[in-house]
Amino acid sequence: MNNEVKLKTGTTTVGILCKDCVVLAADRRATAGNMIVDKHIHKVVPISGNIAVTTAGSVSDLQLLLKYIKSDINLRKIRSGRLTTVTEAANLLSAWVYQILRAQGGVCHFLLGGFDEEAKLYDIFPDGSLTAIDKFVSSGSGSTFAYGLLEDQYKEGISKEEGINLALKAVNTALQRDSASGNGITIYVIDKKGVKLEEVKSVNASLLD
């Protein structure tokens, strides 16, 4: 399997760094080739009380690494008596993507957002590289469409409410054109209070104006 085929991930995920939080969003459709195999999958997953990730790629590989990272975070808390920082979690997950998945030929793309001393957002690419994001990021087959809107409408110091609305617009834009993305949008906000689900079944037309 060549790299071009391996890097195809049928989904749309978005991460937006706001003034006092991180907004993570994704569609709910899982595909296998041209077949829709699940219309209610959750692609934004909390991994601790202050950290969540978006997922794109091979479902089995994603599930394995999510089990690893959740278990490791819990063990670190038991052993050290402190929470794993957002940066530590991002570095650990990127190392596993590099060490485990590259050797097996798996494909996973994570966007990791969290809040400890401040809001932080990271892009963990399928090759294991780790990039700190200071504005926004998108992954999956619908990311091209999402990026167009994000580039046009993102502004510095964006508020939580503005971030939620922008994430909705970005993912919804991809849903209109990318057949591998669809069946609704899920949004999480991560701030000093922790990880909170902001679930949206349909996009309000007023948000698209």
Protein backbone atom coordinates (compact mmCIF):
# COMPACT_ATOMS: atom_id res chain seq x y z
CA MET A 1 0.00 0.00 0.00
CA ASN A 2 1.55 3.32 -0.99
CA ASN A 3 1.59 6.43 1.18
CA GLU A 4 -1.04 8.23 -0.90
CA VAL A 5 -3.60 5.53 -0.20
CA LYS A 6 -2.59 5.11 3.44
CA LEU A 7 -3.19 8.76 4.26
CA LYS A 8 -6.80 8.82 3.09
CA THR A 9 -9.05 9.31 6.13
CA GLY A 10 -12.78 9.70 5.53
CA THR A 11 -13.86 12.28 8.06
CA THR A 12 -13.75 15.95 9.00
CA THR A 13 -12.32 17.10 12.32
CA VAL A 14 -11.57 20.64 13.46
CA GLY A 15 -9.64 22.13 16.37
CA ILE A 16 -9.82 25.84 17.25
CA LEU A 17 -7.72 27.59 19.88
CA CYS A 18 -9.83 30.29 21.53
CA LYS A 19 -9.04 32.96 24.10
CA ASP A 20 -9.76 30.79 27.14
CA CYS A 21 -10.53 27.34 25.73
CA VAL A 22 -10.13 24.82 22.93
CA VAL A 23 -13.01 23.77 20.69
CA LEU A 24 -12.87 20.33 19.05
CA ALA A 25 -15.46 19.25 16.47
CA ALA A 26 -16.09 16.38 14.08
CA ASP A 27 -18.74 14.76 11.93
CA ARG A 28 -20.34 11.41 12.89
CA ARG A 29 -19.99 9.26 9.79
CA ALA A 30 -17.74 6.19 9.58
CA THR A 31 -17.01 4.77 6.15
CA ALA A 32 -15.35 1.73 4.59
CA GLY A 33 -14.64 2.67 1.02
CA ASN A 34 -17.95 3.84 -0.45
CA MET A 35 -20.03 2.20 2.28
CA ILE A 36 -21.35 4.08 5.32
CA VAL A 37 -20.84 1.65 8.21
CA ASP A 38 -21.84 3.88 11.16
CA LYS A 39 -23.92 7.07 11.34
CA HIS A 40 -23.46 7.77 15.04
CA ILE A 41 -19.76 7.36 15.74
CA HIS A 42 -18.07 9.69 18.21
CA LYS A 43 -14.88 11.13 16.76
CA VAL A 44 -14.19 13.52 19.63
CA VAL A 45 -13.12 11.54 22.69
CA PRO A 46 -12.23 12.79 26.20
CA ILE A 47 -9.09 11.04 27.47
CA SER A 48 -8.95 12.77 30.88
CA GLY A 49 -10.81 15.43 32.81
CA ASN A 50 -8.99 18.22 30.97
CA ILE A 51 -7.94 16.69 27.64
CA ALA A 52 -9.81 15.42 24.56
CA VAL A 53 -8.82 14.29 21.08
CA THR A 54 -10.41 14.08 17.65
CA THR A 55 -9.86 10.91 15.65
CA ALA A 56 -9.34 10.17 11.97
CA GLY A 57 -8.01 6.99 10.38
CA SER A 58 -8.23 3.26 10.98
CA VAL A 59 -10.82 2.52 13.67
CA SER A 60 -8.97 -0.42 15.20
CA ASP A 61 -5.72 1.55 15.46
CA LEU A 62 -7.55 4.53 16.95
CA GLN A 63 -9.27 2.35 19.55
CA LEU A 64 -5.96 0.73 20.56
CA LEU A 65 -4.13 4.01 21.06
CA LEU A 66 -7.05 5.57 22.93
CA LYS A 67 -6.99 2.64 25.36
CA TYR A 68 -3.24 3.08 25.82
CA ILE A 69 -3.36 6.82 26.44
CA LYS A 70 -6.31 6.66 28.84
CA SER A 71 -4.68 3.86 30.85
CA ASP A 72 -1.32 5.63 30.97
CA ILE A 73 -2.89 8.90 32.16
CA ASN A 74 -4.72 7.05 34.95
CA LEU A 75 -1.56 5.18 36.00
CA ARG A 76 0.50 8.38 36.06
CA LYS A 77 -2.09 9.99 38.32
CA ILE A 78 -2.04 7.02 40.72
CA ARG A 79 1.77 6.84 40.82
CA SER A 80 2.62 10.54 40.92
CA GLY A 81 -0.50 12.02 42.47
CA ARG A 82 -0.75 14.66 39.74
CA LEU A 83 -2.56 15.10 36.45
CA THR A 84 -0.75 14.52 33.16
CA THR A 85 -0.19 17.86 31.44
CA VAL A 86 -1.58 18.52 27.98
CA THR A 87 1.92 18.69 26.51
CA GLU A 88 2.94 15.39 28.16
CA ALA A 89 -0.15 13.66 26.76
CA ALA A 90 0.51 15.05 23.27
CA ASN A 91 4.14 13.91 23.30
CA LEU A 92 3.20 10.45 24.56
CA LEU A 93 0.48 9.95 21.94
CA SER A 94 2.71 11.17 19.10
CA ALA A 95 5.46 8.77 20.21
CA TRP A 96 3.03 5.85 20.09
CA VAL A 97 1.80 6.86 16.64
CA TYR A 98 5.42 6.90 15.46
CA GLN A 99 6.60 3.71 17.19
CA ILE A 100 3.56 1.46 16.92
CA LEU A 101 1.55 2.48 13.88
CA ARG A 102 4.41 3.24 11.49
CA ALA A 103 5.86 -0.22 12.11
CA GLN A 104 2.47 -1.86 11.48
CA GLY A 105 1.40 0.34 8.59
CA GLY A 106 -1.54 1.82 10.47
CA VAL A 107 -2.95 5.31 9.95
CA CYS A 108 -4.19 7.62 12.72
CA HIS A 109 -4.50 11.39 12.81
CA PHE A 110 -5.27 13.03 16.15
CA LEU A 111 -6.02 16.61 17.13
CA LEU A 112 -5.41 16.96 20.87
CA GLY A 113 -6.77 19.84 22.90
CA GLY A 114 -6.62 20.51 26.61
CA PHE A 115 -6.35 23.01 29.41
CA ASP A 116 -3.94 23.08 32.33
CA GLU A 117 -2.29 26.45 32.91
CA GLU A 118 -3.72 27.62 29.61
CA ALA A 119 -5.55 26.27 26.56
CA LYS A 120 -3.37 24.19 24.23
CA LEU A 121 -3.94 22.52 20.87
CA TYR A 122 -1.73 19.98 19.07
CA ASP A 123 -1.78 18.25 15.69
CA ILE A 124 -0.50 14.65 15.84
CA PHE A 125 0.02 13.66 12.21
CA PRO A 126 -0.08 10.03 10.94
CA ASP A 127 3.72 9.98 10.63
CA GLY A 128 4.06 10.68 14.37
CA SER A 129 5.07 14.32 14.03
CA LEU A 130 3.77 16.73 16.67
CA THR A 131 2.87 20.37 15.98
CA ALA A 132 1.67 22.97 18.46
CA ILE A 133 -1.23 24.91 16.92
CA ASP A 134 -1.74 28.59 17.71
CA LYS A 135 -4.93 29.18 15.70
CA PHE A 136 -6.79 26.27 14.11
CA VAL A 137 -6.29 22.90 12.45
CA SER A 138 -8.35 20.34 10.54
CA SER A 139 -7.91 16.71 9.50
CA GLY A 140 -9.58 14.11 7.31
CA SER A 141 -10.98 14.03 3.80
CA GLY A 142 -13.17 17.08 4.42
CA SER A 143 -10.37 19.24 5.82
CA THR A 144 -9.77 21.02 2.51
CA PHE A 145 -13.28 22.47 2.65
CA ALA A 146 -13.06 23.27 6.37
CA TYR A 147 -9.73 25.07 5.96
CA GLY A 148 -11.18 27.44 3.38
CA LEU A 149 -13.75 28.71 5.85
CA LEU A 150 -11.35 28.72 8.82
CA GLU A 151 -8.79 30.78 6.93
CA ASP A 152 -11.45 33.32 6.02
CA GLN A 153 -13.30 33.67 9.32
CA TYR A 154 -10.87 32.94 12.17
CA LYS A 155 -9.74 35.97 14.18
CA GLU A 156 -7.28 36.46 17.03
CA GLY A 157 -8.70 36.30 20.55
CA ILE A 158 -11.82 34.43 19.44
CA SER A 159 -14.29 33.75 22.28
CA LYS A 160 -15.73 30.36 23.24
CA GLU A 161 -19.09 31.13 21.64
CA GLU A 162 -17.43 32.37 18.47
CA GLY A 163 -15.20 29.29 18.41
CA ILE A 164 -18.19 26.96 18.71
CA ASN A 165 -20.02 28.73 15.89
CA LEU A 166 -16.91 28.73 13.68
CA ALA A 167 -16.35 25.01 14.29
CA LEU A 168 -19.97 24.33 13.36
CA LYS A 169 -19.63 26.29 10.14
CA ALA A 170 -16.30 24.65 9.22
CA VAL A 171 -17.50 21.07 9.69
CA ASN A 172 -20.85 21.80 8.09
CA THR A 173 -19.09 23.22 5.02
CA ALA A 174 -17.24 19.93 4.65
CA LEU A 175 -20.47 17.96 5.13
CA GLN A 176 -21.95 19.70 2.10
CA ARG A 177 -19.14 18.57 -0.25
CA ASP A 178 -17.31 15.57 1.24
CA SER A 179 -19.25 12.30 0.91
CA ALA A 180 -17.16 10.61 3.62
CA SER A 181 -18.31 13.17 6.20
CA GLY A 182 -21.85 13.47 7.47
CA ASN A 183 -24.67 12.52 9.86
CA GLY A 184 -24.34 15.45 12.23
CA ILE A 185 -21.69 17.26 14.22
CA THR A 186 -20.26 16.72 17.69
CA ILE A 187 -18.48 19.51 19.57
CA TYR A 188 -16.47 19.52 22.80
CA VAL A 189 -15.17 22.56 24.66
CA ILE A 190 -12.15 22.22 26.96
CA ASP A 191 -11.52 25.07 29.41
CA LYS A 192 -10.48 25.58 33.05
CA LYS A 193 -13.66 23.80 34.16
CA GLY A 194 -12.76 20.65 32.19
CA VAL A 195 -14.13 18.85 29.14
CA LYS A 196 -17.74 19.60 28.20
CA LEU A 197 -19.88 18.13 25.43
CA GLU A 198 -21.70 20.63 23.23
CA GLU A 199 -23.63 18.21 21.05
CA VAL A 200 -25.34 19.55 17.94
CA LYS A 201 -27.66 17.38 15.85
CA SER A 202 -28.24 19.96 13.15
CA VAL A 203 -26.73 23.28 12.22
CA ASN A 204 -28.86 26.33 12.86
CA ALA A 205 -29.27 28.20 9.61
CA SER A 206 -28.43 31.49 11.34
CA LEU A 207 -24.93 30.19 12.01
CA LEU A 208 -24.26 29.93 8.29
CA ASP A 209 -24.99 33.55 7.45
